[in-house]
Amino acid sequence: MEQKNHRIEVNVRSSHPDQTPIVFTEQELNSYLSSNDIDLPVGVRSVKLEGQPGIITGTAEIDFDRIREGSGSSNPLLSMFSGIHEVIAVAHAYGGGGEGFVHVESVSLDGVDIPQFVLELFVEKFLQPKYPQIGIDSRFRLPNRIDTADVGLHTITLTEK
């Protein structure tokens, strides 16, 4: 993982980056996510990713009270978002032309599927005030000259340009 990250950093500074695809395995990514090298958002712990072609499934332990700090809501639909829970999110994800695209297909809380409209309400009320770029559908600039990102079977392949 360190060598692959180093190669990305070298390519950022190069006038002619190496365009050979860089393949990150699920194991490498999950080890990186559990290391001290990355700061996860407040309230998010134990993140694990699983890749299938075009689809990422993420599992995490979420402390909703920490996420909701400073944001209040009297909406009873949002009361399920309190305490610590296992959250599983399934999203379609890809990158092309230097942009990343993510569409959240489904989210479950302790094995119970969250209705889409409740998920949208949670994102609008609690996540977007802190992270305006996050949504059910997200489009963002890929970092470090990354041109494409392809999710495969237990891999993510990046190409720089």
Protein backbone atom coordinates (compact mmCIF):
# COMPACT_ATOMS: atom_id res chain seq x y z
CA MET A 1 0.00 0.00 0.00
CA GLU A 2 2.82 2.40 0.89
CA GLN A 3 4.56 1.77 -2.45
CA LYS A 4 1.33 2.37 -4.37
CA ASN A 5 0.59 5.57 -2.47
CA HIS A 6 4.18 6.69 -3.08
CA ARG A 7 3.78 6.08 -6.82
CA ILE A 8 0.63 8.23 -6.84
CA GLU A 9 2.50 11.02 -5.04
CA VAL A 10 5.42 10.82 -7.50
CA ASN A 11 3.00 10.97 -10.44
CA VAL A 12 1.42 14.15 -9.06
CA ARG A 13 4.79 15.92 -9.38
CA SER A 14 5.73 14.38 -12.74
CA SER A 15 5.21 16.14 -16.06
CA HIS A 16 4.72 12.68 -17.66
CA PRO A 17 2.96 10.46 -15.09
CA ASP A 18 3.14 6.69 -15.32
CA GLN A 19 -0.29 5.68 -16.65
CA THR A 20 0.06 2.01 -15.70
CA PRO A 21 -3.05 1.12 -13.68
CA ILE A 22 -2.61 0.82 -9.93
CA VAL A 23 -4.62 -2.00 -8.40
CA PHE A 24 -5.52 -1.80 -4.71
CA THR A 25 -6.82 -5.00 -3.17
CA GLU A 26 -9.67 -5.03 -0.71
CA GLN A 27 -7.26 -6.30 1.95
CA GLU A 28 -4.86 -3.39 1.34
CA LEU A 29 -7.65 -0.82 1.50
CA ASN A 30 -9.16 -2.28 4.66
CA SER A 31 -5.75 -2.41 6.36
CA TYR A 32 -5.22 1.23 5.43
CA LEU A 33 -8.67 2.20 6.75
CA SER A 34 -7.94 0.50 10.08
CA SER A 35 -4.49 2.10 10.42
CA ASN A 36 -3.62 5.38 12.07
CA ASP A 37 -2.74 6.82 8.63
CA ILE A 38 -6.28 8.01 7.97
CA ASP A 39 -8.62 10.18 10.01
CA LEU A 40 -12.19 8.92 9.79
CA PRO A 41 -15.07 11.34 10.39
CA VAL A 42 -16.13 11.79 14.02
CA GLY A 43 -18.42 8.93 15.07
CA VAL A 44 -17.23 6.49 12.38
CA ARG A 45 -15.24 3.38 13.35
CA SER A 46 -14.30 -0.04 12.01
CA VAL A 47 -14.80 0.70 8.31
CA LYS A 48 -14.54 -2.25 5.95
CA LEU A 49 -15.07 -2.23 2.19
CA GLU A 50 -15.98 -5.00 -0.20
CA GLY A 51 -15.81 -4.61 -3.97
CA GLN A 52 -17.92 -6.22 -6.65
CA PRO A 53 -17.82 -4.98 -10.27
CA GLY A 54 -19.12 -1.40 -10.10
CA ILE A 55 -20.39 -1.79 -6.53
CA ILE A 56 -18.84 -1.01 -3.16
CA THR A 57 -20.34 -2.35 0.05
CA GLY A 58 -19.16 -0.53 3.14
CA THR A 59 -19.67 -1.71 6.71
CA ALA A 60 -18.93 0.51 9.70
CA GLU A 61 -19.76 1.06 13.33
CA ILE A 62 -21.44 4.46 13.59
CA ASP A 63 -22.00 6.49 16.75
CA PHE A 64 -24.96 8.58 15.61
CA ASP A 65 -24.94 10.71 18.75
CA ARG A 66 -21.45 11.94 17.80
CA ILE A 67 -22.51 12.58 14.20
CA ARG A 68 -25.62 14.47 15.30
CA GLU A 69 -23.76 16.68 17.82
CA GLY A 70 -24.74 20.29 17.29
CA SER A 71 -27.69 19.38 15.06
CA GLY A 72 -31.11 18.89 16.54
CA SER A 73 -34.28 17.48 15.05
CA SER A 74 -37.68 16.76 16.51
CA ASN A 75 -38.64 14.59 13.53
CA PRO A 76 -39.62 11.15 14.92
CA LEU A 77 -38.44 9.47 11.71
CA LEU A 78 -34.89 10.45 12.62
CA SER A 79 -35.04 9.02 16.14
CA MET A 80 -33.62 5.70 14.87
CA PHE A 81 -30.36 7.52 14.23
CA SER A 82 -29.13 7.56 17.81
CA GLY A 83 -26.70 5.37 19.71
CA ILE A 84 -24.09 3.07 18.18
CA HIS A 85 -25.08 0.79 15.30
CA GLU A 86 -23.63 -1.35 12.54
CA VAL A 87 -24.35 0.32 9.22
CA ILE A 88 -24.04 -1.32 5.83
CA ALA A 89 -24.20 0.83 2.71
CA VAL A 90 -24.27 -0.44 -0.86
CA ALA A 91 -23.27 2.03 -3.57
CA HIS A 92 -22.56 2.07 -7.28
CA ALA A 93 -19.22 3.80 -7.77
CA TYR A 94 -16.87 4.64 -10.61
CA GLY A 95 -14.54 7.34 -11.82
CA GLY A 96 -13.89 8.71 -15.27
CA GLY A 97 -12.55 11.88 -16.80
CA GLY A 98 -11.04 12.89 -13.46
CA GLU A 99 -14.41 12.77 -11.66
CA GLY A 100 -15.81 10.26 -9.19
CA PHE A 101 -19.45 9.26 -9.05
CA VAL A 102 -21.24 7.46 -6.21
CA HIS A 103 -24.91 6.51 -5.99
CA VAL A 104 -26.03 5.03 -2.66
CA GLU A 105 -28.37 2.17 -3.49
CA SER A 106 -29.27 1.06 0.02
CA VAL A 107 -28.39 1.45 3.69
CA SER A 108 -29.22 -0.84 6.58
CA LEU A 109 -28.96 -0.19 10.31
CA ASP A 110 -28.33 -3.32 12.38
CA GLY A 111 -29.71 -5.40 9.50
CA VAL A 112 -32.87 -3.31 8.98
CA ASP A 113 -33.18 -1.53 5.63
CA ILE A 114 -33.62 2.24 5.90
CA PRO A 115 -36.35 3.61 3.61
CA GLN A 116 -34.90 5.89 0.93
CA PHE A 117 -36.85 8.98 2.01
CA VAL A 118 -35.66 8.58 5.63
CA LEU A 119 -32.08 8.20 4.42
CA GLU A 120 -32.44 11.35 2.29
CA LEU A 121 -33.80 13.23 5.31
CA PHE A 122 -30.85 12.08 7.47
CA VAL A 123 -28.32 13.10 4.83
CA GLU A 124 -29.96 16.51 4.40
CA LYS A 125 -30.35 17.22 8.12
CA PHE A 126 -27.13 15.82 9.60
CA LEU A 127 -24.48 15.08 6.96
CA GLN A 128 -24.74 17.85 4.40
CA PRO A 129 -24.41 20.70 6.93
CA LYS A 130 -20.98 19.25 7.88
CA TYR A 131 -20.06 17.65 4.54
CA PRO A 132 -21.87 19.54 1.74
CA GLN A 133 -20.36 17.36 -0.99
CA ILE A 134 -22.00 14.18 0.40
CA GLY A 135 -25.38 13.00 -0.81
CA ILE A 136 -27.29 9.98 -2.06
CA ASP A 137 -25.75 10.91 -5.40
CA SER A 138 -22.27 12.41 -5.18
CA ARG A 139 -20.04 13.76 -7.92
CA PHE A 140 -16.54 14.96 -7.06
CA ARG A 141 -13.12 15.68 -8.49
CA LEU A 142 -10.74 12.72 -8.14
CA PRO A 143 -7.50 13.67 -6.33
CA ASN A 144 -3.88 13.42 -7.42
CA ARG A 145 -4.32 13.35 -11.22
CA ILE A 146 -6.42 10.20 -10.98
CA ASP A 147 -8.37 9.93 -14.23
CA THR A 148 -10.29 6.68 -13.77
CA ALA A 149 -11.37 4.53 -10.83
CA ASP A 150 -12.89 1.13 -11.49
CA VAL A 151 -14.35 -1.06 -8.77
CA GLY A 152 -13.79 -4.73 -9.52
CA LEU A 153 -14.07 -8.02 -7.70
CA HIS A 154 -12.29 -7.24 -4.40
CA THR A 155 -10.19 -4.52 -6.10
CA ILE A 156 -10.16 -0.87 -7.05
CA THR A 157 -8.06 0.08 -10.07
CA LEU A 158 -6.85 3.65 -10.52
CA THR A 159 -5.31 5.25 -13.59
CA GLU A 160 -3.54 8.58 -13.50
CA LYS A 161 -3.22 11.02 -16.36
